Amino acid sequence: DKTSLTEEKIGEYTGEKKEIRPVTVATYQILTYRPDKEKEEYPHLELFNQRNWGLIIYDEVHLLPAPVFRITADIQAKRRLGLTATLVREDGREEDVFSLIGSKKADVPWKDLEEVGWIAEASCIEIRVPMPTDVRENYVVAGAREKYRIAAENPEKIAVLDHLLKRHREDQVLVIGQYIRQLEEIATRYNAPLITGKTTQLEREKLYEDFRTGKIRLIVVSKVANFAIDLPDANVAIQVSGTYGSRQEEAQRLGRILRPKERENKAYFYTLVTRDSRDQEFAMNRQLFLVEQGYSYEIWEAQEMDRLLYGEGVLERKKASGR
């Protein structure tokens, strides 16, 4: 009911299908595919370059400045449009988008969209988890990069996860993380499906459908959740680890649960952070974009989770906005 286009006019150009039609949907990955990595030959891109397109829409346009993707900006078109929820990059190349696509035409704060009901009302909560003594001993002597992984995989996060999953047992929950070993342990513990980059598209679609219909209420997801995932009914996301201080990833993960809901239009975004560690330091940087958008993070202490779950008194919380 939103277009006069017929299905025959819409083509899919992917690894599985090669259809070029008046409206063609493709991915950055397929356009930049090279059979021989030693040669600068892009057979799919060359095919698209042979046509003079009327309009090219670059979804997730913040990806375009990446060296591997920016070549797609060479495709000829009369008009270009870039779309993104988060025009931030950790390499500082945000403004490259304007030279590749054109000037910014609209920028709507997320909170404005929330107020009119276009996205769900989100509560963002950081839960600080203590580090066990034996883990702390390994952490102290580790290198800078390894320090983050040790803190991010803090086993004490599992106890907090137990509480949160009990609290949200009637909700549609995504547990999202960076490290596969950690995610495998979580998936095994809760008998939940795990989606990673190795999960086939067929398997993903089956799990997504089971999630949409309520057959399953919990999915554990790796970094693939940052982009290619469409689960409009998901209303709770629990982040157990991430890609260091990436503001882009933080916003993308919150975005997984912001689709408007048919019932209570609310979403809950939890981040489990190891107290007094690199994990906590990176979390502060990750939150900067969302704070600029008007969100605030509540800070909860892991030791208070019993009172939160079972209502034994009022949870002592601190408000973190613009830290």
C-alpha atoms as a PDB file:
ATOM      1  CA  ASP A   1       0.000   0.000   0.000  1.00  0.00           C
ATOM      2  CA  LYS A   2       3.077   2.270   0.037  1.00  0.00           C
ATOM      3  CA  THR A   3       4.229   1.900  -3.572  1.00  0.00           C
ATOM      4  CA  SER A   4       2.914   1.354  -7.071  1.00  0.00           C
ATOM      5  CA  LEU A   5       5.936  -0.809  -7.936  1.00  0.00           C
ATOM      6  CA  THR A   6       5.250  -4.408  -8.848  1.00  0.00           C
ATOM      7  CA  GLU A   7       7.451  -7.293  -7.703  1.00  0.00           C
ATOM      8  CA  GLU A   8       8.705  -7.759 -11.255  1.00  0.00           C
ATOM      9  CA  LYS A   9      10.413  -4.362 -11.102  1.00  0.00           C
ATOM     10  CA  ILE A  10      12.408  -5.164  -7.964  1.00  0.00           C
ATOM     11  CA  GLY A  11      15.605  -7.199  -8.176  1.00  0.00           C
ATOM     12  CA  GLU A  12      17.926  -8.755  -5.607  1.00  0.00           C
ATOM     13  CA  TYR A  13      21.644  -8.790  -6.364  1.00  0.00           C
ATOM     14  CA  THR A  14      23.362 -10.946  -3.754  1.00  0.00           C
ATOM     15  CA  GLY A  15      25.483 -14.052  -3.482  1.00  0.00           C
ATOM     16  CA  GLU A  16      22.351 -16.127  -4.068  1.00  0.00           C
ATOM     17  CA  LYS A  17      20.591 -14.095  -6.777  1.00  0.00           C
ATOM     18  CA  LYS A  18      21.828 -11.885  -9.609  1.00  0.00           C
ATOM     19  CA  GLU A  19      18.856  -9.778 -10.696  1.00  0.00           C
ATOM     20  CA  ILE A  20      19.284  -6.273 -12.114  1.00  0.00           C
ATOM     21  CA  ARG A  21      15.944  -4.531 -12.492  1.00  0.00           C
ATOM     22  CA  PRO A  22      14.643  -0.927 -12.353  1.00  0.00           C
ATOM     23  CA  VAL A  23      14.891  -1.144  -8.550  1.00  0.00           C
ATOM     24  CA  THR A  24      17.840  -3.297  -7.489  1.00  0.00           C
ATOM     25  CA  VAL A  25      18.859  -4.108  -3.916  1.00  0.00           C
ATOM     26  CA  ALA A  26      22.511  -5.035  -3.350  1.00  0.00           C
ATOM     27  CA  THR A  27      25.054  -5.021  -0.519  1.00  0.00           C
ATOM     28  CA  TYR A  28      28.388  -3.299  -0.071  1.00  0.00           C
ATOM     29  CA  GLN A  29      29.992  -6.721   0.263  1.00  0.00           C
ATOM     30  CA  ILE A  30      28.807  -8.071  -3.082  1.00  0.00           C
ATOM     31  CA  LEU A  31      29.716  -4.879  -4.946  1.00  0.00           C
ATOM     32  CA  THR A  32      33.257  -4.864  -3.551  1.00  0.00           C
ATOM     33  CA  TYR A  33      33.867  -8.588  -4.072  1.00  0.00           C
ATOM     34  CA  ARG A  34      37.173  -9.432  -5.799  1.00  0.00           C
ATOM     35  CA  PRO A  35      37.794 -12.978  -7.121  1.00  0.00           C
ATOM     36  CA  ASP A  36      41.537 -12.303  -7.076  1.00  0.00           C
ATOM     37  CA  LYS A  37      42.681 -10.287  -4.068  1.00  0.00           C
ATOM     38  CA  GLU A  38      45.892  -9.409  -5.913  1.00  0.00           C
ATOM     39  CA  LYS A  39      43.991  -7.514  -8.616  1.00  0.00           C
ATOM     40  CA  GLU A  40      41.813  -4.411  -8.465  1.00  0.00           C
ATOM     41  CA  GLU A  41      38.981  -6.066 -10.361  1.00  0.00           C
ATOM     42  CA  TYR A  42      35.384  -5.818  -9.143  1.00  0.00           C
ATOM     43  CA  PRO A  43      33.157  -7.741 -11.583  1.00  0.00           C
ATOM     44  CA  HIS A  44      29.869  -6.939  -9.833  1.00  0.00           C
ATOM     45  CA  LEU A  45      30.706  -3.269  -9.371  1.00  0.00           C
ATOM     46  CA  GLU A  46      31.674  -2.985 -13.036  1.00  0.00           C
ATOM     47  CA  LEU A  47      28.282  -4.383 -13.992  1.00  0.00           C
ATOM     48  CA  PHE A  48      26.532  -1.684 -11.966  1.00  0.00           C
ATOM     49  CA  ASN A  49      28.823   0.985 -13.423  1.00  0.00           C
ATOM     50  CA  GLN A  50      27.549   0.162 -16.902  1.00  0.00           C
ATOM     51  CA  ARG A  51      24.173   1.666 -16.021  1.00  0.00           C
ATOM     52  CA  ASN A  52      23.239   5.254 -15.341  1.00  0.00           C
ATOM     53  CA  TRP A  53      21.034   5.001 -12.278  1.00  0.00           C
ATOM     54  CA  GLY A  54      18.448   7.642 -11.463  1.00  0.00           C
ATOM     55  CA  LEU A  55      18.835   7.333  -7.693  1.00  0.00           C
ATOM     56  CA  ILE A  56      21.182   5.401  -5.433  1.00  0.00           C
ATOM     57  CA  ILE A  57      20.271   5.018  -1.765  1.00  0.00           C
ATOM     58  CA  TYR A  58      23.204   4.173   0.490  1.00  0.00           C
ATOM     59  CA  ASP A  59      21.831   2.577   3.640  1.00  0.00           C
ATOM     60  CA  GLU A  60      24.131   2.585   6.686  1.00  0.00           C
ATOM     61  CA  VAL A  61      26.013   5.352   4.884  1.00  0.00           C
ATOM     62  CA  HIS A  62      28.445   5.768   7.790  1.00  0.00           C
ATOM     63  CA  LEU A  63      30.148   2.643   6.390  1.00  0.00           C
ATOM     64  CA  LEU A  64      31.000   4.347   3.109  1.00  0.00           C
ATOM     65  CA  PRO A  65      34.315   5.994   4.178  1.00  0.00           C
ATOM     66  CA  ALA A  66      35.816   2.569   4.906  1.00  0.00           C
ATOM     67  CA  PRO A  67      38.563   1.884   2.326  1.00  0.00           C
ATOM     68  CA  VAL A  68      36.922  -1.339   1.178  1.00  0.00           C
ATOM     69  CA  PHE A  69      33.480   0.244   0.630  1.00  0.00           C
ATOM     70  CA  ARG A  70      34.162   3.796  -0.575  1.00  0.00           C
ATOM     71  CA  ILE A  71      34.707   2.594  -4.142  1.00  0.00           C
ATOM     72  CA  THR A  72      30.935   2.040  -4.371  1.00  0.00           C
ATOM     73  CA  ALA A  73      30.532   5.825  -4.325  1.00  0.00           C
ATOM     74  CA  ASP A  74      31.873   5.810  -7.919  1.00  0.00           C
ATOM     75  CA  ILE A  75      28.660   4.284  -9.277  1.00  0.00           C
ATOM     76  CA  GLN A  76      27.039   6.832 -11.593  1.00  0.00           C
ATOM     77  CA  ALA A  77      23.661   8.248 -10.576  1.00  0.00           C
ATOM     78  CA  LYS A  78      21.697  11.455 -11.066  1.00  0.00           C
ATOM     79  CA  ARG A  79      20.876  11.599  -7.367  1.00  0.00           C
ATOM     80  CA  ARG A  80      22.287  10.062  -4.203  1.00  0.00           C
ATOM     81  CA  LEU A  81      20.749   9.638  -0.777  1.00  0.00           C
ATOM     82  CA  GLY A  82      22.510   8.387   2.329  1.00  0.00           C
ATOM     83  CA  LEU A  83      20.710   7.003   5.378  1.00  0.00           C
ATOM     84  CA  THR A  84      22.064   6.223   8.824  1.00  0.00           C
ATOM     85  CA  ALA A  85      20.950   6.361  12.424  1.00  0.00           C
ATOM     86  CA  THR A  86      24.463   7.177  13.628  1.00  0.00           C
ATOM     87  CA  LEU A  87      26.870   9.245  11.588  1.00  0.00           C
ATOM     88  CA  VAL A  88      29.815   8.578  13.901  1.00  0.00           C
ATOM     89  CA  ARG A  89      33.045   6.736  13.197  1.00  0.00           C
ATOM     90  CA  GLU A  90      35.909   5.983  15.541  1.00  0.00           C
ATOM     91  CA  ASP A  91      38.426   6.880  12.805  1.00  0.00           C
ATOM     92  CA  GLY A  92      37.053  10.436  12.567  1.00  0.00           C
ATOM     93  CA  ARG A  93      36.011  10.110   8.927  1.00  0.00           C
ATOM     94  CA  GLU A  94      32.374  11.141   9.374  1.00  0.00           C
ATOM     95  CA  GLU A  95      32.753  14.155   7.079  1.00  0.00           C
ATOM     96  CA  ASP A  96      34.036  11.945   4.247  1.00  0.00           C
ATOM     97  CA  VAL A  97      30.407  10.953   3.767  1.00  0.00           C
ATOM     98  CA  PHE A  98      29.569  14.495   2.654  1.00  0.00           C
ATOM     99  CA  SER A  99      32.269  14.527  -0.019  1.00  0.00           C
ATOM    100  CA  LEU A 100      31.206  11.092  -1.262  1.00  0.00           C
ATOM    101  CA  ILE A 101      27.426  11.597  -1.185  1.00  0.00           C
ATOM    102  CA  GLY A 102      26.574  15.257  -0.598  1.00  0.00           C
ATOM    103  CA  SER A 103      25.590  17.611   2.190  1.00  0.00           C
ATOM    104  CA  LYS A 104      23.429  16.640   5.152  1.00  0.00           C
ATOM    105  CA  LYS A 105      19.736  17.342   4.527  1.00  0.00           C
ATOM    106  CA  ALA A 106      18.131  16.198   7.770  1.00  0.00           C
ATOM    107  CA  ASP A 107      19.233  15.172  11.241  1.00  0.00           C
ATOM    108  CA  VAL A 108      16.485  14.266  13.690  1.00  0.00           C
ATOM    109  CA  PRO A 109      17.409  13.650  17.357  1.00  0.00           C
ATOM    110  CA  TRP A 110      16.383  10.207  18.555  1.00  0.00           C
ATOM    111  CA  LYS A 111      14.486  11.658  21.496  1.00  0.00           C
ATOM    112  CA  ASP A 112      12.284  13.654  19.109  1.00  0.00           C
ATOM    113  CA  LEU A 113      11.365  10.412  17.353  1.00  0.00           C
ATOM    114  CA  GLU A 114      10.666   8.806  20.719  1.00  0.00           C
ATOM    115  CA  GLU A 115       8.313  11.600  21.775  1.00  0.00           C
ATOM    116  CA  VAL A 116       6.061  11.115  18.753  1.00  0.00           C
ATOM    117  CA  GLY A 117       6.110   7.318  19.019  1.00  0.00           C
ATOM    118  CA  TRP A 118       8.201   6.497  15.956  1.00  0.00           C
ATOM    119  CA  ILE A 119      10.653   4.576  18.131  1.00  0.00           C
ATOM    120  CA  ALA A 120      10.239   2.908  21.514  1.00  0.00           C
ATOM    121  CA  GLU A 121      10.926   4.717  24.785  1.00  0.00           C
ATOM    122  CA  ALA A 122      14.273   3.324  25.939  1.00  0.00           C
ATOM    123  CA  SER A 123      15.739   2.891  29.406  1.00  0.00           C
ATOM    124  CA  CYS A 124      19.548   2.605  29.310  1.00  0.00           C
ATOM    125  CA  ILE A 125      21.162   0.946  32.317  1.00  0.00           C
ATOM    126  CA  GLU A 126      24.802   0.228  33.090  1.00  0.00           C
ATOM    127  CA  ILE A 127      25.301  -2.484  35.699  1.00  0.00           C
ATOM    128  CA  ARG A 128      28.715  -2.495  37.331  1.00  0.00           C
ATOM    129  CA  VAL A 129      29.971  -5.937  38.251  1.00  0.00           C
ATOM    130  CA  PRO A 130      32.862  -6.646  40.654  1.00  0.00           C
ATOM    131  CA  MET A 131      35.884  -8.596  39.437  1.00  0.00           C
ATOM    132  CA  PRO A 132      36.744 -11.799  41.362  1.00  0.00           C
ATOM    133  CA  THR A 133      40.145 -11.859  43.064  1.00  0.00           C
ATOM    134  CA  ASP A 134      41.611 -14.577  40.834  1.00  0.00           C
ATOM    135  CA  VAL A 135      40.493 -12.747  37.695  1.00  0.00           C
ATOM    136  CA  ARG A 136      41.872  -9.477  39.068  1.00  0.00           C
ATOM    137  CA  GLU A 137      45.285 -11.116  39.534  1.00  0.00           C
ATOM    138  CA  ASN A 138      45.388 -12.085  35.858  1.00  0.00           C
ATOM    139  CA  TYR A 139      44.059  -8.683  34.851  1.00  0.00           C
ATOM    140  CA  VAL A 140      46.787  -6.746  36.657  1.00  0.00           C
ATOM    141  CA  VAL A 141      49.657  -8.470  34.826  1.00  0.00           C
ATOM    142  CA  ALA A 142      47.986  -8.589  31.387  1.00  0.00           C
ATOM    143  CA  GLY A 143      48.770  -6.331  28.430  1.00  0.00           C
ATOM    144  CA  ALA A 144      46.457  -3.442  27.547  1.00  0.00           C
ATOM    145  CA  ARG A 145      44.491  -5.323  24.875  1.00  0.00           C
ATOM    146  CA  GLU A 146      44.181  -8.487  26.937  1.00  0.00           C
ATOM    147  CA  LYS A 147      43.059  -6.458  29.950  1.00  0.00           C
ATOM    148  CA  TYR A 148      39.869  -5.503  28.155  1.00  0.00           C
ATOM    149  CA  ARG A 149      39.043  -9.059  27.159  1.00  0.00           C
ATOM    150  CA  ILE A 150      39.617 -10.374  30.683  1.00  0.00           C
ATOM    151  CA  ALA A 151      37.338  -7.684  32.107  1.00  0.00           C
ATOM    152  CA  ALA A 152      34.716  -8.110  29.378  1.00  0.00           C
ATOM    153  CA  GLU A 153      34.524 -11.872  29.986  1.00  0.00           C
ATOM    154  CA  ASN A 154      34.210 -11.457  33.759  1.00  0.00           C
ATOM    155  CA  PRO A 155      32.380 -14.627  34.922  1.00  0.00           C
ATOM    156  CA  GLU A 156      30.507 -12.610  37.568  1.00  0.00           C
ATOM    157  CA  LYS A 157      28.416 -11.137  34.761  1.00  0.00           C
ATOM    158  CA  ILE A 158      26.572 -14.453  34.537  1.00  0.00           C
ATOM    159  CA  ALA A 159      24.964 -13.974  37.958  1.00  0.00           C
ATOM    160  CA  VAL A 160      23.666 -10.572  36.866  1.00  0.00           C
ATOM    161  CA  LEU A 161      22.432 -12.094  33.633  1.00  0.00           C
ATOM    162  CA  ASP A 162      20.506 -14.677  35.672  1.00  0.00           C
ATOM    163  CA  HIS A 163      18.637 -11.891  37.460  1.00  0.00           C
ATOM    164  CA  LEU A 164      17.874  -9.941  34.304  1.00  0.00           C
ATOM    165  CA  LEU A 165      16.554 -12.942  32.409  1.00  0.00           C
ATOM    166  CA  LYS A 166      14.271 -13.794  35.329  1.00  0.00           C
ATOM    167  CA  ARG A 167      13.020 -10.232  35.427  1.00  0.00           C
ATOM    168  CA  HIS A 168      12.324 -10.221  31.684  1.00  0.00           C
ATOM    169  CA  ARG A 169      11.167 -13.813  31.259  1.00  0.00           C
ATOM    170  CA  GLU A 170       7.995 -12.624  29.483  1.00  0.00           C
ATOM    171  CA  ASP A 171       9.890 -10.309  27.132  1.00  0.00           C
ATOM    172  CA  GLN A 172      11.733 -10.810  23.849  1.00  0.00           C
ATOM    173  CA  VAL A 173      15.421 -10.666  24.779  1.00  0.00           C
ATOM    174  CA  LEU A 174      18.677 -10.348  22.849  1.00  0.00           C
ATOM    175  CA  VAL A 175      21.976 -11.061  24.617  1.00  0.00           C
ATOM    176  CA  ILE A 176      24.700  -9.402  22.555  1.00  0.00           C
ATOM    177  CA  GLY A 177      28.461  -9.732  22.859  1.00  0.00           C
ATOM    178  CA  GLN A 178      31.856  -9.582  21.236  1.00  0.00           C
ATOM    179  CA  TYR A 179      33.585 -12.806  22.265  1.00  0.00           C
ATOM    180  CA  ILE A 180      32.338 -16.108  20.868  1.00  0.00           C
ATOM    181  CA  ARG A 181      33.587 -18.198  23.802  1.00  0.00           C
ATOM    182  CA  GLN A 182      31.621 -16.048  26.229  1.00  0.00           C
ATOM    183  CA  LEU A 183      28.511 -16.219  24.049  1.00  0.00           C
ATOM    184  CA  GLU A 184      28.769 -19.990  23.665  1.00  0.00           C
ATOM    185  CA  GLU A 185      28.843 -20.381  27.453  1.00  0.00           C
ATOM    186  CA  ILE A 186      25.781 -18.158  27.793  1.00  0.00           C
ATOM    187  CA  ALA A 187      23.870 -19.972  25.047  1.00  0.00           C
ATOM    188  CA  THR A 188      24.638 -23.340  26.658  1.00  0.00           C
ATOM    189  CA  ARG A 189      23.667 -22.156  30.138  1.00  0.00           C
ATOM    190  CA  TYR A 190      20.239 -20.920  29.036  1.00  0.00           C
ATOM    191  CA  ASN A 191      19.671 -23.457  26.254  1.00  0.00           C
ATOM    192  CA  ALA A 192      19.337 -20.563  23.830  1.00  0.00           C
ATOM    193  CA  PRO A 193      20.202 -20.379  20.129  1.00  0.00           C
ATOM    194  CA  LEU A 194      23.432 -18.597  19.193  1.00  0.00           C
ATOM    195  CA  ILE A 195      23.792 -16.561  16.004  1.00  0.00           C
ATOM    196  CA  THR A 196      27.301 -15.727  14.771  1.00  0.00           C
ATOM    197  CA  GLY A 197      28.898 -14.935  11.437  1.00  0.00           C
ATOM    198  CA  LYS A 198      29.087 -18.685  10.789  1.00  0.00           C
ATOM    199  CA  THR A 199      25.332 -19.206  11.108  1.00  0.00           C
ATOM    200  CA  THR A 200      23.817 -19.791   7.673  1.00  0.00           C
ATOM    201  CA  GLN A 201      21.183 -17.408   6.349  1.00  0.00           C
ATOM    202  CA  LEU A 202      18.654 -20.244   6.342  1.00  0.00           C
ATOM    203  CA  GLU A 203      19.297 -20.976  10.026  1.00  0.00           C
ATOM    204  CA  ARG A 204      19.075 -17.285  10.897  1.00  0.00           C
ATOM    205  CA  GLU A 205      15.749 -16.833   9.146  1.00  0.00           C
ATOM    206  CA  LYS A 206      14.317 -19.863  10.967  1.00  0.00           C
ATOM    207  CA  LEU A 207      15.437 -18.481  14.347  1.00  0.00           C
ATOM    208  CA  TYR A 208      14.182 -14.996  13.520  1.00  0.00           C
ATOM    209  CA  GLU A 209      10.786 -16.409  12.606  1.00  0.00           C
ATOM    210  CA  ASP A 210      10.621 -18.452  15.836  1.00  0.00           C
ATOM    211  CA  PHE A 211      11.526 -15.296  17.753  1.00  0.00           C
ATOM    212  CA  ARG A 212       8.901 -13.179  15.988  1.00  0.00           C
ATOM    213  CA  THR A 213       6.170 -15.732  16.684  1.00  0.00           C
ATOM    214  CA  GLY A 214       7.179 -16.090  20.346  1.00  0.00           C
ATOM    215  CA  LYS A 215       8.267 -19.707  19.999  1.00  0.00           C
ATOM    216  CA  ILE A 216      11.587 -18.630  21.496  1.00  0.00           C
ATOM    217  CA  ARG A 217      12.090 -15.565  23.686  1.00  0.00           C
ATOM    218  CA  LEU A 218      15.873 -15.438  23.962  1.00  0.00           C
ATOM    219  CA  ILE A 219      18.562 -15.273  21.293  1.00  0.00           C
ATOM    220  CA  VAL A 220      22.297 -14.889  21.916  1.00  0.00           C
ATOM    221  CA  VAL A 221      23.932 -12.854  19.158  1.00  0.00           C
ATOM    222  CA  SER A 222      27.474 -11.869  18.198  1.00  0.00           C
ATOM    223  CA  LYS A 223      28.554  -8.753  16.292  1.00  0.00           C
ATOM    224  CA  VAL A 224      26.193  -9.670  13.461  1.00  0.00           C
ATOM    225  CA  ALA A 225      23.510  -7.992  15.593  1.00  0.00           C
ATOM    226  CA  ASN A 226      25.114  -4.624  14.853  1.00  0.00           C
ATOM    227  CA  PHE A 227      23.575  -4.639  11.395  1.00  0.00           C
ATOM    228  CA  ALA A 228      21.765  -7.407   9.570  1.00  0.00           C
ATOM    229  CA  ILE A 229      19.026  -8.375  11.989  1.00  0.00           C
ATOM    230  CA  ASP A 230      15.316  -7.538  11.853  1.00  0.00           C
ATOM    231  CA  LEU A 231      13.485  -8.444  15.047  1.00  0.00           C
ATOM    232  CA  PRO A 232      10.848  -5.754  15.612  1.00  0.00           C
ATOM    233  CA  ASP A 233       9.403  -7.454  18.705  1.00  0.00           C
ATOM    234  CA  ALA A 234      12.704  -7.481  20.615  1.00  0.00           C
ATOM    235  CA  ASN A 235      12.292  -5.134  23.574  1.00  0.00           C
ATOM    236  CA  VAL A 236      15.249  -6.059  25.802  1.00  0.00           C
ATOM    237  CA  ALA A 237      18.943  -6.075  24.894  1.00  0.00           C
ATOM    238  CA  ILE A 238      21.647  -7.170  27.326  1.00  0.00           C
ATOM    239  CA  GLN A 239      25.168  -6.286  26.219  1.00  0.00           C
ATOM    240  CA  VAL A 240      27.822  -8.448  27.876  1.00  0.00           C
ATOM    241  CA  SER A 241      30.815  -7.221  25.844  1.00  0.00           C
ATOM    242  CA  GLY A 242      31.563  -4.970  22.899  1.00  0.00           C
ATOM    243  CA  THR A 243      34.125  -3.634  20.467  1.00  0.00           C
ATOM    244  CA  TYR A 244      36.147  -1.508  22.867  1.00  0.00           C
ATOM    245  CA  GLY A 245      34.847   2.097  22.971  1.00  0.00           C
ATOM    246  CA  SER A 246      32.781   2.082  19.776  1.00  0.00           C
ATOM    247  CA  ARG A 247      30.005   4.691  19.956  1.00  0.00           C
ATOM    248  CA  GLN A 248      28.689   3.430  16.642  1.00  0.00           C
ATOM    249  CA  GLU A 249      28.237  -0.106  17.950  1.00  0.00           C
ATOM    250  CA  GLU A 250      26.525   1.102  21.126  1.00  0.00           C
ATOM    251  CA  ALA A 251      23.968   3.019  19.093  1.00  0.00           C
ATOM    252  CA  GLN A 252      23.463   0.152  16.635  1.00  0.00           C
ATOM    253  CA  ARG A 253      22.799  -2.282  19.455  1.00  0.00           C
ATOM    254  CA  LEU A 254      20.281  -0.007  21.120  1.00  0.00           C
ATOM    255  CA  GLY A 255      18.678   0.386  17.714  1.00  0.00           C
ATOM    256  CA  ARG A 256      17.945  -3.363  17.614  1.00  0.00           C
ATOM    257  CA  ILE A 257      15.168  -2.841  20.185  1.00  0.00           C
ATOM    258  CA  LEU A 258      13.807   0.586  19.219  1.00  0.00           C
ATOM    259  CA  ARG A 259      11.223  -0.478  16.660  1.00  0.00           C
ATOM    260  CA  PRO A 260       7.796   0.746  17.886  1.00  0.00           C
ATOM    261  CA  LYS A 261       5.870  -1.897  19.836  1.00  0.00           C
ATOM    262  CA  GLU A 262       2.224  -2.817  19.491  1.00  0.00           C
ATOM    263  CA  ARG A 263       1.707  -2.990  23.243  1.00  0.00           C
ATOM    264  CA  GLU A 264       3.808  -1.078  25.777  1.00  0.00           C
ATOM    265  CA  ASN A 265       6.131   1.016  23.624  1.00  0.00           C
ATOM    266  CA  LYS A 266       9.160   0.599  25.892  1.00  0.00           C
ATOM    267  CA  ALA A 267      12.589  -0.970  25.542  1.00  0.00           C
ATOM    268  CA  TYR A 268      15.351  -1.839  28.017  1.00  0.00           C
ATOM    269  CA  PHE A 269      19.046  -1.690  27.163  1.00  0.00           C
ATOM    270  CA  TYR A 270      21.427  -3.151  29.755  1.00  0.00           C
ATOM    271  CA  THR A 271      25.209  -3.046  29.616  1.00  0.00           C
ATOM    272  CA  LEU A 272      27.143  -5.310  31.988  1.00  0.00           C
ATOM    273  CA  VAL A 273      30.447  -3.647  32.856  1.00  0.00           C
ATOM    274  CA  THR A 274      33.286  -4.821  35.091  1.00  0.00           C
ATOM    275  CA  ARG A 275      33.880  -2.188  37.741  1.00  0.00           C
ATOM    276  CA  ASP A 276      37.231  -0.340  37.890  1.00  0.00           C
ATOM    277  CA  SER A 277      38.566  -1.815  34.658  1.00  0.00           C
ATOM    278  CA  ARG A 278      39.161  -1.100  30.986  1.00  0.00           C
ATOM    279  CA  ASP A 279      35.660  -2.430  30.440  1.00  0.00           C
ATOM    280  CA  GLN A 280      34.231   0.469  32.454  1.00  0.00           C
ATOM    281  CA  GLU A 281      36.496   3.008  30.731  1.00  0.00           C
ATOM    282  CA  PHE A 282      35.437   1.897  27.264  1.00  0.00           C
ATOM    283  CA  ALA A 283      31.775   1.876  28.314  1.00  0.00           C
ATOM    284  CA  MET A 284      31.984   5.583  29.109  1.00  0.00           C
ATOM    285  CA  ASN A 285      33.208   6.349  25.590  1.00  0.00           C
ATOM    286  CA  ARG A 286      30.653   4.037  23.973  1.00  0.00           C
ATOM    287  CA  GLN A 287      27.827   5.966  25.589  1.00  0.00           C
ATOM    288  CA  LEU A 288      28.841   9.423  24.336  1.00  0.00           C
ATOM    289  CA  PHE A 289      26.764   9.445  21.150  1.00  0.00           C
ATOM    290  CA  LEU A 290      23.585   8.344  22.904  1.00  0.00           C
ATOM    291  CA  VAL A 291      24.136  10.900  25.663  1.00  0.00           C
ATOM    292  CA  GLU A 292      24.414  13.565  22.941  1.00  0.00           C
ATOM    293  CA  GLN A 293      21.076  12.311  21.609  1.00  0.00           C
ATOM    294  CA  GLY A 294      19.454  13.022  24.965  1.00  0.00           C
ATOM    295  CA  TYR A 295      19.649   9.587  26.584  1.00  0.00           C
ATOM    296  CA  SER A 296      20.922   9.066  30.101  1.00  0.00           C
ATOM    297  CA  TYR A 297      22.349   5.915  31.658  1.00  0.00           C
ATOM    298  CA  GLU A 298      21.302   4.754  35.081  1.00  0.00           C
ATOM    299  CA  ILE A 299      24.129   3.168  37.058  1.00  0.00           C
ATOM    300  CA  TRP A 300      23.243   0.082  39.045  1.00  0.00           C
ATOM    301  CA  GLU A 301      25.504  -1.933  41.307  1.00  0.00           C
ATOM    302  CA  ALA A 302      25.482  -5.697  40.774  1.00  0.00           C
ATOM    303  CA  GLN A 303      25.212  -6.239  44.522  1.00  0.00           C
ATOM    304  CA  GLU A 304      21.772  -4.610  44.415  1.00  0.00           C
ATOM    305  CA  MET A 305      20.281  -7.006  41.877  1.00  0.00           C
ATOM    306  CA  ASP A 306      18.383  -9.042  44.480  1.00  0.00           C
ATOM    307  CA  ARG A 307      16.542  -5.960  45.640  1.00  0.00           C
ATOM    308  CA  LEU A 308      15.846  -4.940  42.061  1.00  0.00           C
ATOM    309  CA  LEU A 309      14.390  -8.310  41.146  1.00  0.00           C
ATOM    310  CA  TYR A 310      12.488  -9.164  44.299  1.00  0.00           C
ATOM    311  CA  GLY A 311      11.481  -5.667  45.396  1.00  0.00           C
ATOM    312  CA  GLU A 312      13.231  -5.764  48.758  1.00  0.00           C
ATOM    313  CA  GLY A 313      13.377  -2.005  49.191  1.00  0.00           C
ATOM    314  CA  VAL A 314      14.312   0.731  46.802  1.00  0.00           C
ATOM    315  CA  LEU A 315      17.335   0.184  44.596  1.00  0.00           C
ATOM    316  CA  GLU A 316      19.991   2.799  45.157  1.00  0.00           C
ATOM    317  CA  ARG A 317      20.870   4.235  41.802  1.00  0.00           C
ATOM    318  CA  LYS A 318      22.876   7.078  40.391  1.00  0.00           C
ATOM    319  CA  LYS A 319      21.960   8.981  37.262  1.00  0.00           C
ATOM    320  CA  ALA A 320      24.632   9.281  34.585  1.00  0.00           C
ATOM    321  CA  SER A 321      23.940  11.880  31.952  1.00  0.00           C
ATOM    322  CA  GLY A 322      26.696  13.582  30.029  1.00  0.00           C
ATOM    323  CA  ARG A 323      29.580  11.968  31.865  1.00  0.00           C
END
